[in-house]
Amino acid sequence: MRVEVAAALVFRNGRFLIRQRPPEKARGGLWEFVGGKKEPGESLPEALVRECREELDAPVRVGRIFCEVEHAYEDITVHLTLFHTELDGEAVQKEHTALRWITPEEIPGF
């Protein structure tokens, strides 16, 4: 199965936002950008706005595409579109285990 996923690249003060997946979900404990699967009838930017509202309790402004990647896991293939995104307000930790603002140099640790 192949899914389309929209994700947010949110930068503030030289750091960007990542979240940790809950342990009970697929790939639990892994770190990722905020975002999620596109639902039928949604555009990728619409999906990202919805996911950010659900996951962060914050509205966002979706900008241009930063990059696109595809990764095949054992059970699913994910086509991820990462968008430059501006967060209006503060991110609230809702359905994830943790939120972190990290520098690009810190990526290998996550």
PDB file of N, CA and C in Angstrom:
ATOM      1  N   MET A   1       0.847  -1.177   0.000  1.00  0.00           N
ATOM      2  CA  MET A   1       0.000   0.000   0.000  1.00  0.00           C
ATOM      3  C   MET A   1       0.895   1.244   0.000  1.00  0.00           C
ATOM      4  N   ARG A   2       0.506   2.254  -0.764  1.00  0.00           N
ATOM      5  CA  ARG A   2       1.242   3.521  -0.846  1.00  0.00           C
ATOM      6  C   ARG A   2       0.338   4.624  -0.318  1.00  0.00           C
ATOM      7  N   VAL A   3       0.880   5.465   0.570  1.00  0.00           N
ATOM      8  CA  VAL A   3       0.113   6.583   1.112  1.00  0.00           C
ATOM      9  C   VAL A   3       0.845   7.891   0.838  1.00  0.00           C
ATOM     10  N   GLU A   4       0.051   8.935   0.677  1.00  0.00           N
ATOM     11  CA  GLU A   4       0.573  10.288   0.522  1.00  0.00           C
ATOM     12  C   GLU A   4       0.537  10.966   1.882  1.00  0.00           C
ATOM     13  N   VAL A   5       1.679  11.519   2.288  1.00  0.00           N
ATOM     14  CA  VAL A   5       1.798  12.171   3.589  1.00  0.00           C
ATOM     15  C   VAL A   5       2.311  13.587   3.398  1.00  0.00           C
ATOM     16  N   ALA A   6       1.686  14.531   4.088  1.00  0.00           N
ATOM     17  CA  ALA A   6       2.139  15.927   4.102  1.00  0.00           C
ATOM     18  C   ALA A   6       2.784  16.189   5.455  1.00  0.00           C
ATOM     19  N   ALA A   7       3.934  16.848   5.449  1.00  0.00           N
ATOM     20  CA  ALA A   7       4.646  17.130   6.694  1.00  0.00           C
ATOM     21  C   ALA A   7       5.102  18.582   6.728  1.00  0.00           C
ATOM     22  N   ALA A   8       5.273  19.097   7.936  1.00  0.00           N
ATOM     23  CA  ALA A   8       5.594  20.513   8.158  1.00  0.00           C
ATOM     24  C   ALA A   8       7.049  20.696   8.569  1.00  0.00           C
ATOM     25  N   LEU A   9       7.751  21.522   7.830  1.00  0.00           N
ATOM     26  CA  LEU A   9       9.083  21.976   8.216  1.00  0.00           C
ATOM     27  C   LEU A   9       8.893  23.356   8.831  1.00  0.00           C
ATOM     28  N   VAL A  10       8.851  23.384  10.167  1.00  0.00           N
ATOM     29  CA  VAL A  10       8.602  24.625  10.914  1.00  0.00           C
ATOM     30  C   VAL A  10       9.910  25.063  11.546  1.00  0.00           C
ATOM     31  N   PHE A  11      10.439  26.219  11.112  1.00  0.00           N
ATOM     32  CA  PHE A  11      11.679  26.770  11.650  1.00  0.00           C
ATOM     33  C   PHE A  11      11.390  27.955  12.553  1.00  0.00           C
ATOM     34  N   ARG A  12      12.105  28.007  13.689  1.00  0.00           N
ATOM     35  CA  ARG A  12      12.085  29.172  14.582  1.00  0.00           C
ATOM     36  C   ARG A  12      13.452  29.296  15.220  1.00  0.00           C
ATOM     37  N   ASN A  13      14.025  30.465  15.122  1.00  0.00           N
ATOM     38  CA  ASN A  13      15.297  30.754  15.790  1.00  0.00           C
ATOM     39  C   ASN A  13      16.369  29.698  15.514  1.00  0.00           C
ATOM     40  N   GLY A  14      16.479  29.271  14.255  1.00  0.00           N
ATOM     41  CA  GLY A  14      17.504  28.318  13.870  1.00  0.00           C
ATOM     42  C   GLY A  14      17.217  26.878  14.253  1.00  0.00           C
ATOM     43  N   ARG A  15      16.018  26.603  14.749  1.00  0.00           N
ATOM     44  CA  ARG A  15      15.625  25.245  15.140  1.00  0.00           C
ATOM     45  C   ARG A  15      14.343  24.862  14.398  1.00  0.00           C
ATOM     46  N   PHE A  16      14.145  23.553  14.228  1.00  0.00           N
ATOM     47  CA  PHE A  16      12.897  23.111  13.624  1.00  0.00           C
ATOM     48  C   PHE A  16      12.201  22.101  14.522  1.00  0.00           C
ATOM     49  N   LEU A  17      10.897  21.975  14.313  1.00  0.00           N
ATOM     50  CA  LEU A  17      10.029  21.190  15.177  1.00  0.00           C
ATOM     51  C   LEU A  17       9.925  19.742  14.699  1.00  0.00           C
ATOM     52  N   ILE A  18      10.128  18.798  15.643  1.00  0.00           N
ATOM     53  CA  ILE A  18       9.894  17.386  15.381  1.00  0.00           C
ATOM     54  C   ILE A  18       9.046  16.815  16.518  1.00  0.00           C
ATOM     55  N   ARG A  19       8.464  15.654  16.273  1.00  0.00           N
ATOM     56  CA  ARG A  19       7.660  15.007  17.311  1.00  0.00           C
ATOM     57  C   ARG A  19       8.030  13.540  17.397  1.00  0.00           C
ATOM     58  N   GLN A  20       7.753  12.944  18.549  1.00  0.00           N
ATOM     59  CA  GLN A  20       8.015  11.525  18.749  1.00  0.00           C
ATOM     60  C   GLN A  20       6.687  10.768  18.703  1.00  0.00           C
ATOM     61  N   ARG A  21       6.664   9.696  17.902  1.00  0.00           N
ATOM     62  CA  ARG A  21       5.453   8.889  17.765  1.00  0.00           C
ATOM     63  C   ARG A  21       5.152   8.149  19.066  1.00  0.00           C
ATOM     64  N   PRO A  22       3.864   8.037  19.413  1.00  0.00           N
ATOM     65  CA  PRO A  22       3.491   7.275  20.610  1.00  0.00           C
ATOM     66  C   PRO A  22       3.914   5.811  20.469  1.00  0.00           C
ATOM     67  N   PRO A  23       4.275   5.165  21.573  1.00  0.00           N
ATOM     68  CA  PRO A  23       4.777   3.791  21.499  1.00  0.00           C
ATOM     69  C   PRO A  23       3.765   2.787  20.956  1.00  0.00           C
ATOM     70  N   GLU A  24       2.475   3.050  21.126  1.00  0.00           N
ATOM     71  CA  GLU A  24       1.461   2.088  20.682  1.00  0.00           C
ATOM     72  C   GLU A  24       1.158   2.177  19.181  1.00  0.00           C
ATOM     73  N   LYS A  25       1.668   3.201  18.496  1.00  0.00           N
ATOM     74  CA  LYS A  25       1.427   3.348  17.058  1.00  0.00           C
ATOM     75  C   LYS A  25       2.515   2.643  16.258  1.00  0.00           C
ATOM     76  N   ALA A  26       2.226   2.404  14.981  1.00  0.00           N
ATOM     77  CA  ALA A  26       3.249   1.852  14.086  1.00  0.00           C
ATOM     78  C   ALA A  26       4.470   2.751  14.120  1.00  0.00           C
ATOM     79  N   ARG A  27       5.639   2.162  14.144  1.00  0.00           N
ATOM     80  CA  ARG A  27       6.906   2.875  14.218  1.00  0.00           C
ATOM     81  C   ARG A  27       6.973   3.771  15.465  1.00  0.00           C
ATOM     82  N   GLY A  28       6.360   3.270  16.548  1.00  0.00           N
ATOM     83  CA  GLY A  28       6.327   3.991  17.813  1.00  0.00           C
ATOM     84  C   GLY A  28       7.728   4.308  18.323  1.00  0.00           C
ATOM     85  N   GLY A  29       7.859   5.504  18.878  1.00  0.00           N
ATOM     86  CA  GLY A  29       9.134   5.954  19.431  1.00  0.00           C
ATOM     87  C   GLY A  29      10.019   6.692  18.445  1.00  0.00           C
ATOM     88  N   LEU A  30       9.720   6.564  17.147  1.00  0.00           N
ATOM     89  CA  LEU A  30      10.534   7.276  16.151  1.00  0.00           C
ATOM     90  C   LEU A  30      10.175   8.761  16.138  1.00  0.00           C
ATOM     91  N   TRP A  31      11.145   9.557  15.720  1.00  0.00           N
ATOM     92  CA  TRP A  31      10.958  11.007  15.603  1.00  0.00           C
ATOM     93  C   TRP A  31      10.629  11.345  14.160  1.00  0.00           C
ATOM     94  N   GLU A  32       9.761  12.347  13.982  1.00  0.00           N
ATOM     95  CA  GLU A  32       9.321  12.729  12.645  1.00  0.00           C
ATOM     96  C   GLU A  32       8.850  14.176  12.651  1.00  0.00           C
ATOM     97  N   PHE A  33       8.625  14.688  11.455  1.00  0.00           N
ATOM     98  CA  PHE A  33       7.997  16.000  11.323  1.00  0.00           C
ATOM     99  C   PHE A  33       6.511  15.865  11.622  1.00  0.00           C
ATOM    100  N   VAL A  34       5.888  16.942  12.052  1.00  0.00           N
ATOM    101  CA  VAL A  34       4.450  16.965  12.271  1.00  0.00           C
ATOM    102  C   VAL A  34       3.761  16.831  10.917  1.00  0.00           C
ATOM    103  N   GLY A  35       2.690  16.083  10.873  1.00  0.00           N
ATOM    104  CA  GLY A  35       1.933  15.914   9.637  1.00  0.00           C
ATOM    105  C   GLY A  35       1.233  14.590   9.631  1.00  0.00           C
ATOM    106  N   GLY A  36       0.741  14.205   8.452  1.00  0.00           N
ATOM    107  CA  GLY A  36       0.040  12.936   8.377  1.00  0.00           C
ATOM    108  C   GLY A  36      -0.518  12.642   7.013  1.00  0.00           C
ATOM    109  N   LYS A  37      -1.303  11.586   6.951  1.00  0.00           N
ATOM    110  CA  LYS A  37      -1.845  11.082   5.693  1.00  0.00           C
ATOM    111  C   LYS A  37      -2.887  12.019   5.099  1.00  0.00           C
ATOM    112  N   LYS A  38      -2.847  12.100   3.789  1.00  0.00           N
ATOM    113  CA  LYS A  38      -3.842  12.841   3.025  1.00  0.00           C
ATOM    114  C   LYS A  38      -5.110  11.996   2.958  1.00  0.00           C
ATOM    115  N   GLU A  39      -6.243  12.606   3.249  1.00  0.00           N
ATOM    116  CA  GLU A  39      -7.538  11.933   3.174  1.00  0.00           C
ATOM    117  C   GLU A  39      -8.122  12.120   1.772  1.00  0.00           C
ATOM    118  N   PRO A  40      -9.035  11.236   1.364  1.00  0.00           N
ATOM    119  CA  PRO A  40      -9.667  11.394   0.047  1.00  0.00           C
ATOM    120  C   PRO A  40     -10.307  12.776  -0.105  1.00  0.00           C
ATOM    121  N   GLY A  41     -10.073  13.404  -1.235  1.00  0.00           N
ATOM    122  CA  GLY A  41     -10.649  14.717  -1.510  1.00  0.00           C
ATOM    123  C   GLY A  41      -9.835  15.886  -0.996  1.00  0.00           C
ATOM    124  N   GLU A  42      -8.800  15.642  -0.219  1.00  0.00           N
ATOM    125  CA  GLU A  42      -7.949  16.716   0.304  1.00  0.00           C
ATOM    126  C   GLU A  42      -6.761  16.945  -0.618  1.00  0.00           C
ATOM    127  N   SER A  43      -6.292  18.168  -0.652  1.00  0.00           N
ATOM    128  CA  SER A  43      -4.990  18.453  -1.251  1.00  0.00           C
ATOM    129  C   SER A  43      -3.948  18.203  -0.156  1.00  0.00           C
ATOM    130  N   LEU A  44      -2.696  18.111  -0.538  1.00  0.00           N
ATOM    131  CA  LEU A  44      -1.646  17.949   0.481  1.00  0.00           C
ATOM    132  C   LEU A  44      -1.600  19.125   1.450  1.00  0.00           C
ATOM    133  N   PRO A  45      -1.663  20.391   0.965  1.00  0.00           N
ATOM    134  CA  PRO A  45      -1.686  21.499   1.924  1.00  0.00           C
ATOM    135  C   PRO A  45      -2.899  21.456   2.864  1.00  0.00           C
ATOM    136  N   GLU A  46      -4.060  21.055   2.355  1.00  0.00           N
ATOM    137  CA  GLU A  46      -5.238  20.942   3.222  1.00  0.00           C
ATOM    138  C   GLU A  46      -5.026  19.862   4.285  1.00  0.00           C
ATOM    139  N   ALA A  47      -4.429  18.757   3.889  1.00  0.00           N
ATOM    140  CA  ALA A  47      -4.140  17.683   4.844  1.00  0.00           C
ATOM    141  C   ALA A  47      -3.197  18.175   5.932  1.00  0.00           C
ATOM    142  N   LEU A  48      -2.198  18.951   5.534  1.00  0.00           N
ATOM    143  CA  LEU A  48      -1.231  19.455   6.513  1.00  0.00           C
ATOM    144  C   LEU A  48      -1.882  20.424   7.497  1.00  0.00           C
ATOM    145  N   VAL A  49      -2.745  21.295   7.014  1.00  0.00           N
ATOM    146  CA  VAL A  49      -3.466  22.212   7.906  1.00  0.00           C
ATOM    147  C   VAL A  49      -4.300  21.417   8.901  1.00  0.00           C
ATOM    148  N   ARG A  50      -5.022  20.422   8.433  1.00  0.00           N
ATOM    149  CA  ARG A  50      -5.847  19.587   9.313  1.00  0.00           C
ATOM    150  C   ARG A  50      -4.998  18.850  10.348  1.00  0.00           C
ATOM    151  N   GLU A  51      -3.916  18.217   9.889  1.00  0.00           N
ATOM    152  CA  GLU A  51      -3.056  17.454  10.799  1.00  0.00           C
ATOM    153  C   GLU A  51      -2.427  18.348  11.867  1.00  0.00           C
ATOM    154  N   CYS A  52      -1.980  19.532  11.483  1.00  0.00           N
ATOM    155  CA  CYS A  52      -1.366  20.449  12.464  1.00  0.00           C
ATOM    156  C   CYS A  52      -2.392  20.907  13.488  1.00  0.00           C
ATOM    157  N   ARG A  53      -3.619  21.112  13.046  1.00  0.00           N
ATOM    158  CA  ARG A  53      -4.678  21.488  13.987  1.00  0.00           C
ATOM    159  C   ARG A  53      -4.926  20.338  14.971  1.00  0.00           C
ATOM    160  N   GLU A  54      -4.970  19.092  14.444  1.00  0.00           N
ATOM    161  CA  GLU A  54      -5.213  17.925  15.297  1.00  0.00           C
ATOM    162  C   GLU A  54      -4.036  17.623  16.220  1.00  0.00           C
ATOM    163  N   GLU A  55      -2.815  17.741  15.705  1.00  0.00           N
ATOM    164  CA  GLU A  55      -1.632  17.316  16.456  1.00  0.00           C
ATOM    165  C   GLU A  55      -1.027  18.395  17.339  1.00  0.00           C
ATOM    166  N   LEU A  56      -1.173  19.655  16.942  1.00  0.00           N
ATOM    167  CA  LEU A  56      -0.525  20.743  17.673  1.00  0.00           C
ATOM    168  C   LEU A  56      -1.499  21.748  18.266  1.00  0.00           C
ATOM    169  N   ASP A  57      -2.777  21.636  17.905  1.00  0.00           N
ATOM    170  CA  ASP A  57      -3.785  22.596  18.316  1.00  0.00           C
ATOM    171  C   ASP A  57      -3.397  24.011  17.900  1.00  0.00           C
ATOM    172  N   ALA A  58      -2.836  24.121  16.687  1.00  0.00           N
ATOM    173  CA  ALA A  58      -2.387  25.426  16.202  1.00  0.00           C
ATOM    174  C   ALA A  58      -2.633  25.548  14.704  1.00  0.00           C
ATOM    175  N   PRO A  59      -3.078  26.726  14.268  1.00  0.00           N
ATOM    176  CA  PRO A  59      -3.205  26.946  12.828  1.00  0.00           C
ATOM    177  C   PRO A  59      -1.819  27.166  12.204  1.00  0.00           C
ATOM    178  N   VAL A  60      -1.712  26.852  10.928  1.00  0.00           N
ATOM    179  CA  VAL A  60      -0.453  27.012  10.200  1.00  0.00           C
ATOM    180  C   VAL A  60      -0.709  27.661   8.849  1.00  0.00           C
ATOM    181  N   ARG A  61       0.365  28.196   8.287  1.00  0.00           N
ATOM    182  CA  ARG A  61       0.373  28.690   6.902  1.00  0.00           C
ATOM    183  C   ARG A  61       1.347  27.808   6.142  1.00  0.00           C
ATOM    184  N   VAL A  62       0.831  27.132   5.135  1.00  0.00           N
ATOM    185  CA  VAL A  62       1.641  26.202   4.352  1.00  0.00           C
ATOM    186  C   VAL A  62       2.263  26.953   3.183  1.00  0.00           C
ATOM    187  N   GLY A  63       3.586  26.823   3.063  1.00  0.00           N
ATOM    188  CA  GLY A  63       4.327  27.482   1.992  1.00  0.00           C
ATOM    189  C   GLY A  63       4.715  26.507   0.892  1.00  0.00           C
ATOM    190  N   ARG A  64       5.837  26.785   0.293  1.00  0.00           N
ATOM    191  CA  ARG A  64       6.285  25.967  -0.842  1.00  0.00           C
ATOM    192  C   ARG A  64       6.866  24.632  -0.373  1.00  0.00           C
ATOM    193  N   ILE A  65       6.978  23.718  -1.306  1.00  0.00           N
ATOM    194  CA  ILE A  65       7.532  22.398  -1.017  1.00  0.00           C
ATOM    195  C   ILE A  65       9.033  22.525  -0.763  1.00  0.00           C
ATOM    196  N   PHE A  66       9.505  21.918   0.319  1.00  0.00           N
ATOM    197  CA  PHE A  66      10.935  21.862   0.627  1.00  0.00           C
ATOM    198  C   PHE A  66      11.572  20.671  -0.086  1.00  0.00           C
ATOM    199  N   CYS A  67      10.941  19.498   0.030  1.00  0.00           N
ATOM    200  CA  CYS A  67      11.432  18.308  -0.670  1.00  0.00           C
ATOM    201  C   CYS A  67      10.358  17.227  -0.655  1.00  0.00           C
ATOM    202  N   GLU A  68      10.573  16.222  -1.474  1.00  0.00           N
ATOM    203  CA  GLU A  68       9.708  15.044  -1.502  1.00  0.00           C
ATOM    204  C   GLU A  68      10.597  13.810  -1.431  1.00  0.00           C
ATOM    205  N   VAL A  69      10.178  12.829  -0.647  1.00  0.00           N
ATOM    206  CA  VAL A  69      10.912  11.564  -0.533  1.00  0.00           C
ATOM    207  C   VAL A  69       9.905  10.423  -0.478  1.00  0.00           C
ATOM    208  N   GLU A  70      10.371   9.251  -0.866  1.00  0.00           N
ATOM    209  CA  GLU A  70       9.535   8.064  -0.759  1.00  0.00           C
ATOM    210  C   GLU A  70      10.337   7.002  -0.025  1.00  0.00           C
ATOM    211  N   HIS A  71       9.663   6.333   0.919  1.00  0.00           N
ATOM    212  CA  HIS A  71      10.335   5.299   1.694  1.00  0.00           C
ATOM    213  C   HIS A  71       9.417   4.091   1.817  1.00  0.00           C
ATOM    214  N   ALA A  72       9.959   2.917   1.524  1.00  0.00           N
ATOM    215  CA  ALA A  72       9.196   1.674   1.642  1.00  0.00           C
ATOM    216  C   ALA A  72       9.528   0.992   2.959  1.00  0.00           C
ATOM    217  N   TYR A  73       8.539   0.850   3.818  1.00  0.00           N
ATOM    218  CA  TYR A  73       8.639   0.055   5.026  1.00  0.00           C
ATOM    219  C   TYR A  73       8.139  -1.349   4.677  1.00  0.00           C
ATOM    220  N   GLU A  74       8.187  -2.273   5.601  1.00  0.00           N
ATOM    221  CA  GLU A  74       7.706  -3.631   5.335  1.00  0.00           C
ATOM    222  C   GLU A  74       6.213  -3.652   5.010  1.00  0.00           C
ATOM    223  N   ASP A  75       5.436  -2.799   5.679  1.00  0.00           N
ATOM    224  CA  ASP A  75       3.984  -2.840   5.543  1.00  0.00           C
ATOM    225  C   ASP A  75       3.376  -1.710   4.717  1.00  0.00           C
ATOM    226  N   ILE A  76       4.163  -0.694   4.370  1.00  0.00           N
ATOM    227  CA  ILE A  76       3.602   0.473   3.706  1.00  0.00           C
ATOM    228  C   ILE A  76       4.702   1.247   2.982  1.00  0.00           C
ATOM    229  N   THR A  77       4.340   1.895   1.891  1.00  0.00           N
ATOM    230  CA  THR A  77       5.250   2.823   1.211  1.00  0.00           C
ATOM    231  C   THR A  77       4.702   4.224   1.420  1.00  0.00           C
ATOM    232  N   VAL A  78       5.551   5.106   1.900  1.00  0.00           N
ATOM    233  CA  VAL A  78       5.151   6.476   2.215  1.00  0.00           C
ATOM    234  C   VAL A  78       5.795   7.432   1.215  1.00  0.00           C
ATOM    235  N   HIS A  79       4.962   8.222   0.544  1.00  0.00           N
ATOM    236  CA  HIS A  79       5.449   9.325  -0.280  1.00  0.00           C
ATOM    237  C   HIS A  79       5.218  10.586   0.540  1.00  0.00           C
ATOM    238  N   LEU A  80       6.307  11.175   1.035  1.00  0.00           N
ATOM    239  CA  LEU A  80       6.245  12.310   1.945  1.00  0.00           C
ATOM    240  C   LEU A  80       6.591  13.594   1.205  1.00  0.00           C
ATOM    241  N   THR A  81       5.716  14.578   1.342  1.00  0.00           N
ATOM    242  CA  THR A  81       5.978  15.918   0.827  1.00  0.00           C
ATOM    243  C   THR A  81       6.162  16.833   2.029  1.00  0.00           C
ATOM    244  N   LEU A  82       7.353  17.412   2.148  1.00  0.00           N
ATOM    245  CA  LEU A  82       7.702  18.286   3.269  1.00  0.00           C
ATOM    246  C   LEU A  82       7.565  19.734   2.812  1.00  0.00           C
ATOM    247  N   PHE A  83       6.700  20.480   3.492  1.00  0.00           N
ATOM    248  CA  PHE A  83       6.397  21.864   3.139  1.00  0.00           C
ATOM    249  C   PHE A  83       7.026  22.836   4.135  1.00  0.00           C
ATOM    250  N   HIS A  84       7.558  23.959   3.633  1.00  0.00           N
ATOM    251  CA  HIS A  84       7.884  25.076   4.518  1.00  0.00           C
ATOM    252  C   HIS A  84       6.567  25.499   5.145  1.00  0.00           C
ATOM    253  N   THR A  85       6.534  25.619   6.474  1.00  0.00           N
ATOM    254  CA  THR A  85       5.278  25.892   7.182  1.00  0.00           C
ATOM    255  C   THR A  85       5.539  26.874   8.307  1.00  0.00           C
ATOM    256  N   GLU A  86       4.617  27.828   8.448  1.00  0.00           N
ATOM    257  CA  GLU A  86       4.691  28.776   9.556  1.00  0.00           C
ATOM    258  C   GLU A  86       3.608  28.432  10.569  1.00  0.00           C
ATOM    259  N   LEU A  87       4.008  28.346  11.815  1.00  0.00           N
ATOM    260  CA  LEU A  87       3.102  28.018  12.908  1.00  0.00           C
ATOM    261  C   LEU A  87       2.594  29.318  13.514  1.00  0.00           C
ATOM    262  N   ASP A  88       1.275  29.457  13.600  1.00  0.00           N
ATOM    263  CA  ASP A  88       0.668  30.629  14.237  1.00  0.00           C
ATOM    264  C   ASP A  88       0.371  30.271  15.686  1.00  0.00           C
ATOM    265  N   GLY A  89       1.176  30.759  16.592  1.00  0.00           N
ATOM    266  CA  GLY A  89       0.994  30.435  18.000  1.00  0.00           C
ATOM    267  C   GLY A  89       2.004  29.403  18.450  1.00  0.00           C
ATOM    268  N   GLU A  90       1.709  28.784  19.564  1.00  0.00           N
ATOM    269  CA  GLU A  90       2.612  27.798  20.147  1.00  0.00           C
ATOM    270  C   GLU A  90       2.078  26.391  19.918  1.00  0.00           C
ATOM    271  N   ALA A  91       2.982  25.468  19.689  1.00  0.00           N
ATOM    272  CA  ALA A  91       2.622  24.065  19.523  1.00  0.00           C
ATOM    273  C   ALA A  91       2.248  23.465  20.873  1.00  0.00           C
ATOM    274  N   VAL A  92       1.187  22.691  20.890  1.00  0.00           N
ATOM    275  CA  VAL A  92       0.733  21.993  22.089  1.00  0.00           C
ATOM    276  C   VAL A  92       0.968  20.503  21.868  1.00  0.00           C
ATOM    277  N   GLN A  93       1.590  19.861  22.824  1.00  0.00           N
ATOM    278  CA  GLN A  93       1.824  18.415  22.740  1.00  0.00           C
ATOM    279  C   GLN A  93       0.504  17.707  22.995  1.00  0.00           C
ATOM    280  N   LYS A  94      -0.036  17.059  21.953  1.00  0.00           N
ATOM    281  CA  LYS A  94      -1.336  16.397  22.107  1.00  0.00           C
ATOM    282  C   LYS A  94      -1.215  14.888  22.004  1.00  0.00           C
ATOM    283  N   GLU A  95      -1.108  14.361  20.792  1.00  0.00           N
ATOM    284  CA  GLU A  95      -1.157  12.909  20.633  1.00  0.00           C
ATOM    285  C   GLU A  95       0.204  12.249  20.481  1.00  0.00           C
ATOM    286  N   HIS A  96       1.264  12.988  20.649  1.00  0.00           N
ATOM    287  CA  HIS A  96       2.604  12.418  20.527  1.00  0.00           C
ATOM    288  C   HIS A  96       3.248  12.337  21.910  1.00  0.00           C
ATOM    289  N   THR A  97       4.336  11.583  21.967  1.00  0.00           N
ATOM    290  CA  THR A  97       5.036  11.394  23.229  1.00  0.00           C
ATOM    291  C   THR A  97       5.814  12.638  23.627  1.00  0.00           C
ATOM    292  N   ALA A  98       6.422  13.318  22.620  1.00  0.00           N
ATOM    293  CA  ALA A  98       7.235  14.496  22.915  1.00  0.00           C
ATOM    294  C   ALA A  98       7.336  15.386  21.679  1.00  0.00           C
ATOM    295  N   LEU A  99       7.587  16.662  21.923  1.00  0.00           N
ATOM    296  CA  LEU A  99       7.905  17.646  20.886  1.00  0.00           C
ATOM    297  C   LEU A  99       9.279  18.196  21.198  1.00  0.00           C
ATOM    298  N   ARG A 100      10.075  18.460  20.172  1.00  0.00           N
ATOM    299  CA  ARG A 100      11.398  19.061  20.369  1.00  0.00           C
ATOM    300  C   ARG A 100      11.660  20.073  19.257  1.00  0.00           C
ATOM    301  N   TRP A 101      12.337  21.134  19.629  1.00  0.00           N
ATOM    302  CA  TRP A 101      12.886  22.081  18.660  1.00  0.00           C
ATOM    303  C   TRP A 101      14.373  21.762  18.581  1.00  0.00           C
ATOM    304  N   ILE A 102      14.846  21.299  17.424  1.00  0.00           N
ATOM    305  CA  ILE A 102      16.246  20.898  17.293  1.00  0.00           C
ATOM    306  C   ILE A 102      16.933  21.665  16.171  1.00  0.00           C
ATOM    307  N   THR A 103      18.251  21.704  16.234  1.00  0.00           N
ATOM    308  CA  THR A 103      19.032  22.303  15.163  1.00  0.00           C
ATOM    309  C   THR A 103      19.318  21.240  14.099  1.00  0.00           C
ATOM    310  N   PRO A 104      19.622  21.654  12.885  1.00  0.00           N
ATOM    311  CA  PRO A 104      19.969  20.678  11.856  1.00  0.00           C
ATOM    312  C   PRO A 104      21.133  19.766  12.274  1.00  0.00           C
ATOM    313  N   GLU A 105      22.054  20.286  13.056  1.00  0.00           N
ATOM    314  CA  GLU A 105      23.212  19.487  13.499  1.00  0.00           C
ATOM    315  C   GLU A 105      22.800  18.367  14.461  1.00  0.00           C
ATOM    316  N   GLU A 106      21.658  18.503  15.106  1.00  0.00           N
ATOM    317  CA  GLU A 106      21.192  17.504  16.069  1.00  0.00           C
ATOM    318  C   GLU A 106      20.432  16.335  15.413  1.00  0.00           C
ATOM    319  N   ILE A 107      20.162  16.418  14.126  1.00  0.00           N
ATOM    320  CA  ILE A 107      19.376  15.386  13.446  1.00  0.00           C
ATOM    321  C   ILE A 107      19.901  13.967  13.690  1.00  0.00           C
ATOM    322  N   PRO A 108      21.199  13.705  13.608  1.00  0.00           N
ATOM    323  CA  PRO A 108      21.662  12.318  13.801  1.00  0.00           C
ATOM    324  C   PRO A 108      21.256  11.708  15.151  1.00  0.00           C
ATOM    325  N   GLY A 109      21.014  12.515  16.153  1.00  0.00           N
ATOM    326  CA  GLY A 109      20.614  12.010  17.457  1.00  0.00           C
ATOM    327  C   GLY A 109      19.153  11.603  17.544  1.00  0.00           C
ATOM    328  N   PHE A 110      18.404  11.859  16.474  1.00  0.00           N
ATOM    329  CA  PHE A 110      16.977  11.543  16.475  1.00  0.00           C
ATOM    330  C   PHE A 110      16.635  10.574  15.370  1.00  0.00           C
TER     331      PHE A 110
END
